[in-house]
Amino acid sequence: MTGRFIVFEGGEGVGKSTQSRLLADALRARGLEVVTTREPGGTPGAEAIRALLLDKDGPAKDGLGWGTRAEALLFAAARADHVETLIRPALARGAWVVCDRYLDSSRAYQGGGSGLEDRDILTLHRIGSAGLLPDCTMLLSLDPAEAAARVQKRDAGALDRIGGRAADYHARVGAAFLRYAEAEPDRFAQVAAEGTPEAVHARVLAAVDGLWSA
């Protein structure tokens, strides 16, 4: 039996990592094999690219970071390795894969935020990852002021290269996520991220419910 692929998406501070962990725990409690992972990252090669992209003290620390097109290519390369090495093999053996960010983050950040054409990002994904899409994409949404407060509490101002970009950039990212969710309602589940982690988790479980018998 082929496994299921669930991705958590959204802007900074909405609780993707927490909800990924809680969902994985719930799935394991049902006796399922669950692989938890993240993007960029998830494999040694992709984690190396993550450091290039996000680490302020990493290899690009003396420069201004990557240009928009180089950034998109690096994300696509990391995803290609991630999909081939980790995600597809796990799904093939029947595991459920729960991933913190995936393709739609590239679409929202490098597309909506930085201005690349969506069709170009999708072409990179088709070439690098054979177009693999999640069974369900959980889009967590939260008031921007509350999200910013969570980020400040979590990171104490030590944001990575992309998380530390200006508020108008992140506003464009958030608007792009909403556009994608509205355009593909069969793939996206929009989940309100306000309240306690447990309250949000209950909403996530309700959204995942239809996958059990699919």
C-alpha atoms as a PDB file:
ATOM      1  CA  MET A   1       0.000   0.000   0.000  1.00  0.00           C
ATOM      2  CA  THR A   2       1.314   3.438  -0.910  1.00  0.00           C
ATOM      3  CA  GLY A   3       1.692   5.833   1.996  1.00  0.00           C
ATOM      4  CA  ARG A   4       0.347   9.348   2.339  1.00  0.00           C
ATOM      5  CA  PHE A   5       2.220  12.634   1.991  1.00  0.00           C
ATOM      6  CA  ILE A   6       1.160  15.549   4.210  1.00  0.00           C
ATOM      7  CA  VAL A   7       2.820  18.967   4.169  1.00  0.00           C
ATOM      8  CA  PHE A   8       2.490  21.918   6.532  1.00  0.00           C
ATOM      9  CA  GLU A   9       2.773  25.333   4.912  1.00  0.00           C
ATOM     10  CA  GLY A  10       2.400  28.945   5.987  1.00  0.00           C
ATOM     11  CA  GLY A  11       4.391  32.006   6.896  1.00  0.00           C
ATOM     12  CA  GLU A  12       6.818  32.514   9.746  1.00  0.00           C
ATOM     13  CA  GLY A  13       5.583  31.738  13.262  1.00  0.00           C
ATOM     14  CA  VAL A  14       2.337  29.941  12.444  1.00  0.00           C
ATOM     15  CA  GLY A  15       3.348  26.693  14.169  1.00  0.00           C
ATOM     16  CA  LYS A  16       4.276  24.381  11.311  1.00  0.00           C
ATOM     17  CA  SER A  17       6.989  22.498  13.194  1.00  0.00           C
ATOM     18  CA  THR A  18       4.813  22.019  16.281  1.00  0.00           C
ATOM     19  CA  GLN A  19       1.845  20.797  14.273  1.00  0.00           C
ATOM     20  CA  SER A  20       4.033  18.478  12.191  1.00  0.00           C
ATOM     21  CA  ARG A  21       5.276  16.846  15.381  1.00  0.00           C
ATOM     22  CA  LEU A  22       1.816  16.541  16.914  1.00  0.00           C
ATOM     23  CA  LEU A  23       0.355  15.009  13.771  1.00  0.00           C
ATOM     24  CA  ALA A  24       3.226  12.533  13.481  1.00  0.00           C
ATOM     25  CA  ASP A  25       2.649  11.458  17.092  1.00  0.00           C
ATOM     26  CA  ALA A  26      -1.060  10.981  16.415  1.00  0.00           C
ATOM     27  CA  LEU A  27      -0.394   8.921  13.303  1.00  0.00           C
ATOM     28  CA  ARG A  28       2.100   6.709  15.119  1.00  0.00           C
ATOM     29  CA  ALA A  29      -0.488   6.155  17.837  1.00  0.00           C
ATOM     30  CA  ARG A  30      -2.676   4.627  15.112  1.00  0.00           C
ATOM     31  CA  GLY A  31       0.081   2.140  14.307  1.00  0.00           C
ATOM     32  CA  LEU A  32       1.360   3.827  11.159  1.00  0.00           C
ATOM     33  CA  GLU A  33       4.973   4.231  10.133  1.00  0.00           C
ATOM     34  CA  VAL A  34       5.639   7.964   9.968  1.00  0.00           C
ATOM     35  CA  VAL A  35       8.613   9.820   8.531  1.00  0.00           C
ATOM     36  CA  THR A  36       8.984  13.427   9.651  1.00  0.00           C
ATOM     37  CA  THR A  37      11.115  15.769   7.609  1.00  0.00           C
ATOM     38  CA  ARG A  38      11.548  19.396   6.563  1.00  0.00           C
ATOM     39  CA  GLU A  39      12.498  21.660   3.688  1.00  0.00           C
ATOM     40  CA  PRO A  40      14.964  22.728   2.767  1.00  0.00           C
ATOM     41  CA  GLY A  41      16.613  19.677   4.260  1.00  0.00           C
ATOM     42  CA  GLY A  42      15.682  16.143   5.193  1.00  0.00           C
ATOM     43  CA  THR A  43      18.736  14.456   3.637  1.00  0.00           C
ATOM     44  CA  PRO A  44      22.457  15.138   4.060  1.00  0.00           C
ATOM     45  CA  GLY A  45      22.705  16.774   0.645  1.00  0.00           C
ATOM     46  CA  ALA A  46      19.600  18.898   1.141  1.00  0.00           C
ATOM     47  CA  GLU A  47      20.725  19.940   4.623  1.00  0.00           C
ATOM     48  CA  ALA A  48      24.012  21.150   3.122  1.00  0.00           C
ATOM     49  CA  ILE A  49      22.026  23.299   0.692  1.00  0.00           C
ATOM     50  CA  ARG A  50      19.893  24.551   3.597  1.00  0.00           C
ATOM     51  CA  ALA A  51      23.024  25.939   5.228  1.00  0.00           C
ATOM     52  CA  LEU A  52      23.946  27.714   2.000  1.00  0.00           C
ATOM     53  CA  LEU A  53      20.478  29.254   1.747  1.00  0.00           C
ATOM     54  CA  LEU A  54      19.560  30.183   5.300  1.00  0.00           C
ATOM     55  CA  ASP A  55      22.538  30.342   7.622  1.00  0.00           C
ATOM     56  CA  LYS A  56      23.686  33.943   8.172  1.00  0.00           C
ATOM     57  CA  ASP A  57      27.031  32.594   9.378  1.00  0.00           C
ATOM     58  CA  GLY A  58      27.304  30.046   6.582  1.00  0.00           C
ATOM     59  CA  PRO A  59      29.316  29.978   3.364  1.00  0.00           C
ATOM     60  CA  ALA A  60      27.712  33.162   1.975  1.00  0.00           C
ATOM     61  CA  LYS A  61      28.121  35.206   5.157  1.00  0.00           C
ATOM     62  CA  ASP A  62      30.316  37.871   3.536  1.00  0.00           C
ATOM     63  CA  GLY A  63      27.864  38.558   0.713  1.00  0.00           C
ATOM     64  CA  LEU A  64      24.276  39.689   0.336  1.00  0.00           C
ATOM     65  CA  GLY A  65      22.920  36.191  -0.125  1.00  0.00           C
ATOM     66  CA  TRP A  66      21.729  34.581  -3.320  1.00  0.00           C
ATOM     67  CA  GLY A  67      19.911  36.225  -6.176  1.00  0.00           C
ATOM     68  CA  THR A  68      16.280  35.239  -6.626  1.00  0.00           C
ATOM     69  CA  ARG A  69      16.897  32.804  -9.474  1.00  0.00           C
ATOM     70  CA  ALA A  70      19.890  31.175  -7.816  1.00  0.00           C
ATOM     71  CA  GLU A  71      17.835  30.845  -4.641  1.00  0.00           C
ATOM     72  CA  ALA A  72      15.004  29.113  -6.519  1.00  0.00           C
ATOM     73  CA  LEU A  73      17.448  26.732  -8.191  1.00  0.00           C
ATOM     74  CA  LEU A  74      19.035  25.820  -4.866  1.00  0.00           C
ATOM     75  CA  PHE A  75      15.651  25.115  -3.281  1.00  0.00           C
ATOM     76  CA  ALA A  76      14.697  22.971  -6.270  1.00  0.00           C
ATOM     77  CA  ALA A  77      17.978  21.053  -6.065  1.00  0.00           C
ATOM     78  CA  ALA A  78      17.501  20.392  -2.357  1.00  0.00           C
ATOM     79  CA  ARG A  79      13.952  19.199  -3.020  1.00  0.00           C
ATOM     80  CA  ALA A  80      15.050  16.904  -5.841  1.00  0.00           C
ATOM     81  CA  ASP A  81      17.451  15.093  -3.528  1.00  0.00           C
ATOM     82  CA  HIS A  82      14.884  15.051  -0.720  1.00  0.00           C
ATOM     83  CA  VAL A  83      12.181  13.526  -2.923  1.00  0.00           C
ATOM     84  CA  GLU A  84      14.412  10.928  -4.569  1.00  0.00           C
ATOM     85  CA  THR A  85      16.327   9.877  -1.460  1.00  0.00           C
ATOM     86  CA  LEU A  86      13.735  10.088   1.303  1.00  0.00           C
ATOM     87  CA  ILE A  87      10.150  10.889   0.352  1.00  0.00           C
ATOM     88  CA  ARG A  88       9.434   8.555  -2.563  1.00  0.00           C
ATOM     89  CA  PRO A  89      11.065   5.500  -0.924  1.00  0.00           C
ATOM     90  CA  ALA A  90       9.073   6.098   2.274  1.00  0.00           C
ATOM     91  CA  LEU A  91       5.785   6.419   0.391  1.00  0.00           C
ATOM     92  CA  ALA A  92       6.575   3.319  -1.675  1.00  0.00           C
ATOM     93  CA  ARG A  93       6.918   1.171   1.431  1.00  0.00           C
ATOM     94  CA  GLY A  94       3.623   2.474   2.844  1.00  0.00           C
ATOM     95  CA  ALA A  95       4.885   5.080   5.311  1.00  0.00           C
ATOM     96  CA  TRP A  96       3.183   8.401   5.913  1.00  0.00           C
ATOM     97  CA  VAL A  97       5.462  11.373   5.321  1.00  0.00           C
ATOM     98  CA  VAL A  98       4.879  14.586   7.296  1.00  0.00           C
ATOM     99  CA  CYS A  99       6.936  17.480   5.963  1.00  0.00           C
ATOM    100  CA  ASP A 100       7.485  20.997   7.310  1.00  0.00           C
ATOM    101  CA  ARG A 101       7.390  23.061   4.059  1.00  0.00           C
ATOM    102  CA  TYR A 102       7.572  21.846   0.473  1.00  0.00           C
ATOM    103  CA  LEU A 103       6.897  23.125  -3.051  1.00  0.00           C
ATOM    104  CA  ASP A 104       4.340  25.762  -2.110  1.00  0.00           C
ATOM    105  CA  SER A 105       6.897  27.534   0.060  1.00  0.00           C
ATOM    106  CA  SER A 106       9.070  27.973  -3.033  1.00  0.00           C
ATOM    107  CA  ARG A 107       6.046  29.250  -4.935  1.00  0.00           C
ATOM    108  CA  ALA A 108       5.131  31.684  -2.147  1.00  0.00           C
ATOM    109  CA  TYR A 109       8.611  32.914  -1.193  1.00  0.00           C
ATOM    110  CA  GLN A 110      10.516  32.930  -4.472  1.00  0.00           C
ATOM    111  CA  GLY A 111       7.358  33.563  -6.482  1.00  0.00           C
ATOM    112  CA  GLY A 112       4.948  35.666  -4.455  1.00  0.00           C
ATOM    113  CA  GLY A 113       7.638  37.275  -2.321  1.00  0.00           C
ATOM    114  CA  SER A 114      10.454  37.720  -4.816  1.00  0.00           C
ATOM    115  CA  GLY A 115       8.593  37.929  -8.105  1.00  0.00           C
ATOM    116  CA  LEU A 116       9.524  34.813 -10.059  1.00  0.00           C
ATOM    117  CA  GLU A 117       6.873  33.398 -12.373  1.00  0.00           C
ATOM    118  CA  ASP A 118       4.906  30.560 -10.817  1.00  0.00           C
ATOM    119  CA  ARG A 119       5.164  28.537 -14.013  1.00  0.00           C
ATOM    120  CA  ASP A 120       8.963  28.678 -13.816  1.00  0.00           C
ATOM    121  CA  ILE A 121       9.002  27.359 -10.252  1.00  0.00           C
ATOM    122  CA  LEU A 122       6.599  24.589 -11.236  1.00  0.00           C
ATOM    123  CA  THR A 123       8.849  23.720 -14.184  1.00  0.00           C
ATOM    124  CA  LEU A 124      11.828  23.371 -11.831  1.00  0.00           C
ATOM    125  CA  HIS A 125       9.713  21.076  -9.674  1.00  0.00           C
ATOM    126  CA  ARG A 126       8.645  18.978 -12.657  1.00  0.00           C
ATOM    127  CA  ILE A 127      12.267  18.544 -13.735  1.00  0.00           C
ATOM    128  CA  GLY A 128      13.820  18.045 -10.305  1.00  0.00           C
ATOM    129  CA  SER A 129      11.132  16.082  -8.448  1.00  0.00           C
ATOM    130  CA  ALA A 130       8.984  14.670 -11.267  1.00  0.00           C
ATOM    131  CA  GLY A 131       6.135  16.894 -10.090  1.00  0.00           C
ATOM    132  CA  LEU A 132       5.414  15.033  -6.844  1.00  0.00           C
ATOM    133  CA  LEU A 133       2.627  16.773  -4.899  1.00  0.00           C
ATOM    134  CA  PRO A 134       1.328  16.122  -1.373  1.00  0.00           C
ATOM    135  CA  ASP A 135      -1.913  14.290  -0.749  1.00  0.00           C
ATOM    136  CA  CYS A 136      -2.828  17.141   1.582  1.00  0.00           C
ATOM    137  CA  THR A 137      -1.249  20.535   2.178  1.00  0.00           C
ATOM    138  CA  MET A 138      -2.137  22.065   5.549  1.00  0.00           C
ATOM    139  CA  LEU A 139      -2.000  25.833   5.222  1.00  0.00           C
ATOM    140  CA  LEU A 140      -1.774  27.326   8.714  1.00  0.00           C
ATOM    141  CA  SER A 141      -2.928  30.937   8.903  1.00  0.00           C
ATOM    142  CA  LEU A 142      -2.488  33.432  11.722  1.00  0.00           C
ATOM    143  CA  ASP A 143      -2.831  37.164  12.281  1.00  0.00           C
ATOM    144  CA  PRO A 144       0.508  38.717  11.182  1.00  0.00           C
ATOM    145  CA  ALA A 145       0.998  40.577  14.476  1.00  0.00           C
ATOM    146  CA  GLU A 146       0.544  37.399  16.508  1.00  0.00           C
ATOM    147  CA  ALA A 147       2.812  35.470  14.148  1.00  0.00           C
ATOM    148  CA  ALA A 148       5.519  38.136  14.510  1.00  0.00           C
ATOM    149  CA  ALA A 149       5.226  37.970  18.305  1.00  0.00           C
ATOM    150  CA  ARG A 150       5.645  34.190  18.205  1.00  0.00           C
ATOM    151  CA  VAL A 151       8.716  34.503  15.991  1.00  0.00           C
ATOM    152  CA  GLN A 152      10.255  37.074  18.325  1.00  0.00           C
ATOM    153  CA  LYS A 153       9.654  34.834  21.328  1.00  0.00           C
ATOM    154  CA  ARG A 154      10.953  31.751  19.529  1.00  0.00           C
ATOM    155  CA  ASP A 155      14.026  33.219  17.855  1.00  0.00           C
ATOM    156  CA  ALA A 156      14.838  36.230  20.062  1.00  0.00           C
ATOM    157  CA  GLY A 157      15.550  38.257  16.928  1.00  0.00           C
ATOM    158  CA  ALA A 158      17.992  35.698  15.462  1.00  0.00           C
ATOM    159  CA  LEU A 159      16.131  35.156  12.187  1.00  0.00           C
ATOM    160  CA  ASP A 160      17.577  33.307   9.216  1.00  0.00           C
ATOM    161  CA  ARG A 161      18.253  34.994   5.877  1.00  0.00           C
ATOM    162  CA  ILE A 162      14.710  34.605   4.574  1.00  0.00           C
ATOM    163  CA  GLY A 163      12.796  34.899   7.839  1.00  0.00           C
ATOM    164  CA  GLY A 164      14.484  38.232   8.485  1.00  0.00           C
ATOM    165  CA  ARG A 165      13.219  39.906   5.329  1.00  0.00           C
ATOM    166  CA  ALA A 166      10.950  42.961   5.470  1.00  0.00           C
ATOM    167  CA  ALA A 167       7.300  42.879   6.497  1.00  0.00           C
ATOM    168  CA  ASP A 168       6.059  43.740   2.998  1.00  0.00           C
ATOM    169  CA  TYR A 169       7.923  40.721   1.614  1.00  0.00           C
ATOM    170  CA  HIS A 170       6.203  38.429   4.135  1.00  0.00           C
ATOM    171  CA  ALA A 171       2.840  40.042   3.359  1.00  0.00           C
ATOM    172  CA  ARG A 172       3.307  39.089  -0.306  1.00  0.00           C
ATOM    173  CA  VAL A 173       4.242  35.568   0.769  1.00  0.00           C
ATOM    174  CA  GLY A 174       1.087  35.238   2.865  1.00  0.00           C
ATOM    175  CA  ALA A 175      -1.107  36.521   0.046  1.00  0.00           C
ATOM    176  CA  ALA A 176       0.480  34.032  -2.356  1.00  0.00           C
ATOM    177  CA  PHE A 177      -0.213  31.098  -0.043  1.00  0.00           C
ATOM    178  CA  LEU A 178      -3.874  32.093   0.094  1.00  0.00           C
ATOM    179  CA  ARG A 179      -4.079  32.336  -3.695  1.00  0.00           C
ATOM    180  CA  TYR A 180      -2.680  28.848  -4.111  1.00  0.00           C
ATOM    181  CA  ALA A 181      -5.040  27.388  -1.502  1.00  0.00           C
ATOM    182  CA  GLU A 182      -8.069  29.004  -3.107  1.00  0.00           C
ATOM    183  CA  ALA A 183      -7.003  27.776  -6.560  1.00  0.00           C
ATOM    184  CA  GLU A 184      -6.509  24.150  -5.403  1.00  0.00           C
ATOM    185  CA  PRO A 185      -9.123  23.449  -2.709  1.00  0.00           C
ATOM    186  CA  ASP A 186      -8.886  19.688  -3.249  1.00  0.00           C
ATOM    187  CA  ARG A 187      -5.218  19.659  -2.238  1.00  0.00           C
ATOM    188  CA  PHE A 188      -5.152  22.373   0.423  1.00  0.00           C
ATOM    189  CA  ALA A 189      -6.780  22.404   3.850  1.00  0.00           C
ATOM    190  CA  GLN A 190      -6.827  25.873   5.394  1.00  0.00           C
ATOM    191  CA  VAL A 191      -6.401  25.652   9.171  1.00  0.00           C
ATOM    192  CA  ALA A 192      -6.701  28.563  11.594  1.00  0.00           C
ATOM    193  CA  ALA A 193      -3.551  28.603  13.725  1.00  0.00           C
ATOM    194  CA  GLU A 194      -4.721  30.758  16.620  1.00  0.00           C
ATOM    195  CA  GLY A 195      -5.193  29.253  20.084  1.00  0.00           C
ATOM    196  CA  THR A 196      -3.277  26.548  21.890  1.00  0.00           C
ATOM    197  CA  PRO A 197      -1.226  23.970  20.002  1.00  0.00           C
ATOM    198  CA  GLU A 198      -3.767  21.354  21.106  1.00  0.00           C
ATOM    199  CA  ALA A 199      -6.667  23.340  19.666  1.00  0.00           C
ATOM    200  CA  VAL A 200      -4.896  23.748  16.353  1.00  0.00           C
ATOM    201  CA  HIS A 201      -3.979  20.054  16.364  1.00  0.00           C
ATOM    202  CA  ALA A 202      -7.657  19.143  16.687  1.00  0.00           C
ATOM    203  CA  ARG A 203      -8.382  21.192  13.562  1.00  0.00           C
ATOM    204  CA  VAL A 204      -5.530  19.469  11.741  1.00  0.00           C
ATOM    205  CA  LEU A 205      -6.851  16.024  12.665  1.00  0.00           C
ATOM    206  CA  ALA A 206     -10.289  16.964  11.359  1.00  0.00           C
ATOM    207  CA  ALA A 207      -8.711  18.029   8.072  1.00  0.00           C
ATOM    208  CA  VAL A 208      -6.701  14.804   7.773  1.00  0.00           C
ATOM    209  CA  ASP A 209      -9.666  12.588   8.588  1.00  0.00           C
ATOM    210  CA  GLY A 210     -10.556  11.885   4.967  1.00  0.00           C
ATOM    211  CA  LEU A 211      -7.135  10.380   4.211  1.00  0.00           C
ATOM    212  CA  TRP A 212      -7.545   7.357   6.468  1.00  0.00           C
ATOM    213  CA  SER A 213      -9.654   5.413   3.994  1.00  0.00           C
ATOM    214  CA  ALA A 214      -8.426   7.078   0.804  1.00  0.00           C
END
